[in-house]
N, C-alpha and C. Protein backbone atom coordinates (compact mmCIF):
# COMPACT_ATOMS: atom_id res chain seq x y z
N MET A 1 -96.53 72.56 5.09
CA MET A 1 -97.61 73.60 4.39
C MET A 1 -97.26 74.81 4.35
N PRO A 2 -95.82 75.92 4.16
CA PRO A 2 -96.20 77.32 5.20
C PRO A 2 -97.35 78.13 4.93
N ASN A 3 -96.97 78.66 5.75
CA ASN A 3 -98.23 79.66 6.01
C ASN A 3 -97.16 81.17 5.40
N ASN A 4 -98.00 81.70 4.41
CA ASN A 4 -97.19 82.65 3.29
C ASN A 4 -98.10 83.71 4.13
N THR A 5 -99.27 84.18 5.09
CA THR A 5 -99.72 85.11 5.20
C THR A 5 -99.38 85.91 6.46
N LYS A 6 -99.47 87.02 6.28
CA LYS A 6 -99.26 87.97 8.27
C LYS A 6 -100.84 87.86 9.00
N ASN A 7 -100.67 87.52 10.24
CA ASN A 7 -101.37 87.67 10.73
C ASN A 7 -103.01 87.54 10.13
N GLU A 8 -103.07 86.57 10.09
CA GLU A 8 -104.15 86.05 9.76
C GLU A 8 -105.04 85.58 10.96
N GLN A 9 -106.53 86.14 10.76
CA GLN A 9 -107.42 86.39 11.65
C GLN A 9 -107.95 84.54 11.75
N VAL A 10 -107.97 83.94 12.75
CA VAL A 10 -108.95 82.56 12.78
C VAL A 10 -109.64 82.60 13.85
N GLU A 11 -110.21 81.56 13.75
CA GLU A 11 -111.52 81.28 15.10
C GLU A 11 -110.59 80.47 15.96
N VAL A 12 -110.88 80.62 17.69
CA VAL A 12 -109.91 79.54 18.41
C VAL A 12 -110.88 79.18 19.50
N MET A 13 -110.69 77.14 19.47
CA MET A 13 -111.50 76.66 20.71
C MET A 13 -110.49 76.44 21.98
N ALA A 14 -110.48 76.99 22.69
CA ALA A 14 -109.70 76.73 23.88
C ALA A 14 -109.93 76.68 25.22
N LEU A 15 -109.72 76.51 26.02
CA LEU A 15 -109.52 75.86 27.66
C LEU A 15 -109.34 76.98 28.67
N PHE A 16 -110.43 77.77 28.65
CA PHE A 16 -109.71 79.07 30.41
C PHE A 16 -110.10 78.37 31.47
N THR A 17 -109.04 78.07 31.56
CA THR A 17 -108.81 77.67 33.06
C THR A 17 -108.13 78.75 34.41
N TYR A 18 -107.72 78.69 35.89
CA TYR A 18 -106.65 78.79 36.56
C TYR A 18 -105.20 78.47 36.65
N GLY A 19 -104.56 79.00 37.64
CA GLY A 19 -103.06 78.07 37.77
C GLY A 19 -102.07 79.33 36.47
N ASN A 20 -101.11 78.32 36.08
CA ASN A 20 -100.10 78.72 35.43
C ASN A 20 -100.44 78.96 34.61
N ASN A 21 -100.87 78.41 34.02
CA ASN A 21 -101.11 78.80 32.11
C ASN A 21 -102.40 78.27 31.97
N PRO A 22 -103.63 79.84 31.70
CA PRO A 22 -104.96 79.96 31.78
C PRO A 22 -105.29 80.07 30.84
N CYS A 23 -104.77 79.55 29.82
CA CYS A 23 -105.48 79.31 28.63
C CYS A 23 -104.73 78.04 27.55
N GLU A 24 -105.59 77.68 27.28
CA GLU A 24 -104.87 76.16 26.74
C GLU A 24 -106.14 76.19 25.36
N PRO A 25 -105.19 76.79 24.10
CA PRO A 25 -105.64 76.77 22.37
C PRO A 25 -106.22 74.58 21.75
N LEU A 26 -107.44 74.10 21.56
CA LEU A 26 -107.24 73.41 21.84
C LEU A 26 -107.28 73.11 20.00
N ARG A 27 -107.88 73.58 19.38
CA ARG A 27 -107.99 73.58 17.84
C ARG A 27 -108.73 75.00 17.29
N PHE A 28 -108.00 75.07 16.01
CA PHE A 28 -108.54 76.52 15.14
C PHE A 28 -108.72 76.11 13.58
N LYS A 29 -109.57 77.52 13.46
CA LYS A 29 -110.08 77.08 11.97
C LYS A 29 -109.67 78.57 11.44
N ARG A 30 -109.52 77.79 10.09
CA ARG A 30 -108.62 79.55 9.36
C ARG A 30 -110.20 79.58 8.09
N VAL A 31 -108.86 80.79 7.53
CA VAL A 31 -110.07 81.68 7.26
C VAL A 31 -111.58 80.88 5.79
N ASP A 32 -110.40 79.95 5.08
CA ASP A 32 -110.65 79.18 4.00
C ASP A 32 -111.60 77.71 4.86
N GLY A 33 -111.64 77.76 6.23
CA GLY A 33 -112.58 76.75 6.73
C GLY A 33 -111.95 75.62 7.19
N ARG A 34 -110.30 75.32 6.90
CA ARG A 34 -109.82 74.60 7.32
C ARG A 34 -109.51 73.91 8.70
N GLU A 35 -110.48 73.25 9.38
CA GLU A 35 -110.24 73.47 11.38
C GLU A 35 -108.36 72.17 11.33
N ILE A 36 -107.76 72.66 12.38
CA ILE A 36 -106.47 71.98 12.26
C ILE A 36 -106.69 72.17 13.80
N LYS A 37 -106.90 70.50 14.78
CA LYS A 37 -106.18 69.59 15.83
C LYS A 37 -105.38 70.32 16.90
N ILE A 38 -105.02 70.78 18.07
CA ILE A 38 -103.82 71.30 18.09
C ILE A 38 -103.49 70.01 18.64
N ASN A 39 -102.29 69.51 18.49
CA ASN A 39 -101.50 68.09 19.60
C ASN A 39 -101.13 68.23 20.75
N SER A 40 -100.65 69.59 20.70
CA SER A 40 -99.80 69.96 21.58
C SER A 40 -99.11 71.68 21.92
N VAL A 41 -99.18 72.10 22.87
CA VAL A 41 -98.52 73.58 23.24
C VAL A 41 -96.85 73.63 23.59
N GLU A 42 -96.01 74.09 22.33
CA GLU A 42 -94.72 74.36 22.88
C GLU A 42 -94.29 75.03 23.65
N SER A 43 -95.09 76.26 23.33
CA SER A 43 -94.49 77.29 24.54
C SER A 43 -95.75 78.21 24.62
N THR A 44 -95.29 79.41 25.98
CA THR A 44 -96.60 80.32 25.29
C THR A 44 -95.46 81.27 25.61
N GLN A 45 -96.00 82.75 25.67
CA GLN A 45 -95.04 83.97 26.13
C GLN A 45 -96.08 84.92 26.07
N VAL A 46 -95.96 86.26 26.88
CA VAL A 46 -96.35 87.05 27.58
C VAL A 46 -96.02 88.35 27.09
N LYS A 47 -96.96 89.41 26.19
CA LYS A 47 -96.05 90.37 25.82
C LYS A 47 -96.97 91.79 25.76
N PHE A 48 -96.61 93.09 26.33
CA PHE A 48 -97.42 94.04 26.86
C PHE A 48 -97.29 95.05 25.40
N SER A 49 -98.83 95.53 24.68
CA SER A 49 -98.48 96.31 24.09
C SER A 49 -99.31 97.21 24.55
N GLY A 50 -99.26 98.50 24.69
CA GLY A 50 -100.40 99.37 25.20
C GLY A 50 -101.76 98.91 26.37
N ASP A 51 -102.66 99.04 25.79
CA ASP A 51 -103.70 98.93 27.05
C ASP A 51 -103.64 96.75 26.52
N ALA A 52 -103.36 96.40 25.46
CA ALA A 52 -103.52 94.64 25.41
C ALA A 52 -102.18 93.64 25.93
N THR A 53 -103.03 92.82 26.22
CA THR A 53 -101.76 91.76 26.75
C THR A 53 -102.13 90.81 25.26
N ILE A 54 -100.59 90.65 24.49
CA ILE A 54 -100.23 89.63 23.61
C ILE A 54 -99.95 88.46 24.45
N HIS A 55 -101.16 87.15 24.24
CA HIS A 55 -100.51 85.54 24.56
C HIS A 55 -100.10 84.80 22.82
N LYS A 56 -99.03 84.77 23.40
CA LYS A 56 -98.34 84.07 22.26
C LYS A 56 -98.36 82.76 22.51
N PHE A 57 -98.63 81.89 21.62
CA PHE A 57 -98.87 80.31 21.72
C PHE A 57 -98.02 79.31 20.75
N VAL A 58 -97.00 79.06 20.23
CA VAL A 58 -96.22 77.90 19.58
C VAL A 58 -96.89 76.91 20.04
N VAL A 59 -98.06 76.12 18.54
CA VAL A 59 -98.43 75.42 18.91
C VAL A 59 -97.72 74.18 17.92
N ASN A 60 -98.46 72.77 18.25
CA ASN A 60 -98.02 71.54 17.32
C ASN A 60 -98.93 70.91 16.83
N SER A 61 -99.20 70.50 15.58
CA SER A 61 -100.28 69.74 14.87
C SER A 61 -99.51 68.76 13.75
N THR A 62 -100.48 67.71 12.78
CA THR A 62 -100.45 67.34 12.01
C THR A 62 -99.70 67.47 10.84
N LYS A 63 -100.31 68.94 10.87
CA LYS A 63 -99.74 69.89 9.82
C LYS A 63 -98.85 71.04 10.23
N GLY A 64 -98.30 71.11 11.32
CA GLY A 64 -96.98 71.07 11.33
C GLY A 64 -96.51 72.46 12.36
N ARG A 65 -95.91 73.23 12.48
CA ARG A 65 -95.70 74.14 13.97
C ARG A 65 -96.35 75.52 13.51
N HIS A 66 -97.11 75.97 14.32
CA HIS A 66 -97.61 77.18 14.18
C HIS A 66 -97.80 78.42 15.73
N THR A 67 -97.89 79.60 15.08
CA THR A 67 -97.70 80.41 16.40
C THR A 67 -99.23 81.07 16.01
N LEU A 68 -99.91 81.06 16.96
CA LEU A 68 -101.31 82.12 17.55
C LEU A 68 -100.86 82.62 18.57
N LEU A 69 -101.35 84.01 18.22
CA LEU A 69 -101.79 85.26 18.84
C LEU A 69 -103.06 85.58 19.53
N PHE A 70 -103.48 86.13 20.50
CA PHE A 70 -104.04 86.56 21.44
C PHE A 70 -104.07 87.45 22.05
N ASN A 71 -105.45 88.60 21.46
CA ASN A 71 -104.97 89.83 21.84
C ASN A 71 -106.00 90.05 22.78
N SER A 72 -105.64 90.23 24.42
CA SER A 72 -106.57 90.18 25.30
C SER A 72 -107.49 91.83 25.41
N ALA A 73 -106.94 93.07 24.44
CA ALA A 73 -107.78 94.00 24.37
C ALA A 73 -109.41 93.85 23.64
N ASP A 74 -109.06 93.43 22.25
CA ASP A 74 -110.00 92.42 21.64
C ASP A 74 -110.16 91.93 21.47
N LEU A 75 -109.74 90.58 22.19
CA LEU A 75 -110.28 89.28 21.93
C LEU A 75 -110.29 88.39 20.74
N ARG A 76 -109.43 88.66 20.05
CA ARG A 76 -109.11 88.38 18.94
C ARG A 76 -107.64 87.21 18.57
N TRP A 77 -108.12 86.41 18.23
CA TRP A 77 -106.78 85.20 17.67
C TRP A 77 -106.24 85.39 16.08
N SER A 78 -104.86 85.31 16.28
CA SER A 78 -104.42 85.22 14.95
C SER A 78 -103.14 84.22 14.63
N LEU A 79 -103.44 84.03 12.87
CA LEU A 79 -102.13 83.57 12.65
C LEU A 79 -100.65 83.88 13.09
N ALA A 80 -99.75 83.56 13.49
CA ALA A 80 -99.04 84.55 12.78
C ALA A 80 -98.07 83.83 11.78
N GLY A 81 -97.71 84.98 10.68
CA GLY A 81 -97.58 84.39 9.32
C GLY A 81 -95.83 84.46 9.04
């Protein structure tokens, strides 16, 4: 199912650890209440934007491929559309 929204705010359950990949998203919940379990993290990328660091995660679930963004300045997660 395609996602036609632009940067929808989502709630994410993530595992934070030490090492090369200190954050691993495990599942996320959309505004409409749908919860999506992440099967794998395909790639990660870091971008600096002013005072914030934006962490980009391309993830796979049974519902498809998604791009999650984590903003380190305001600690918000969003689903890129």
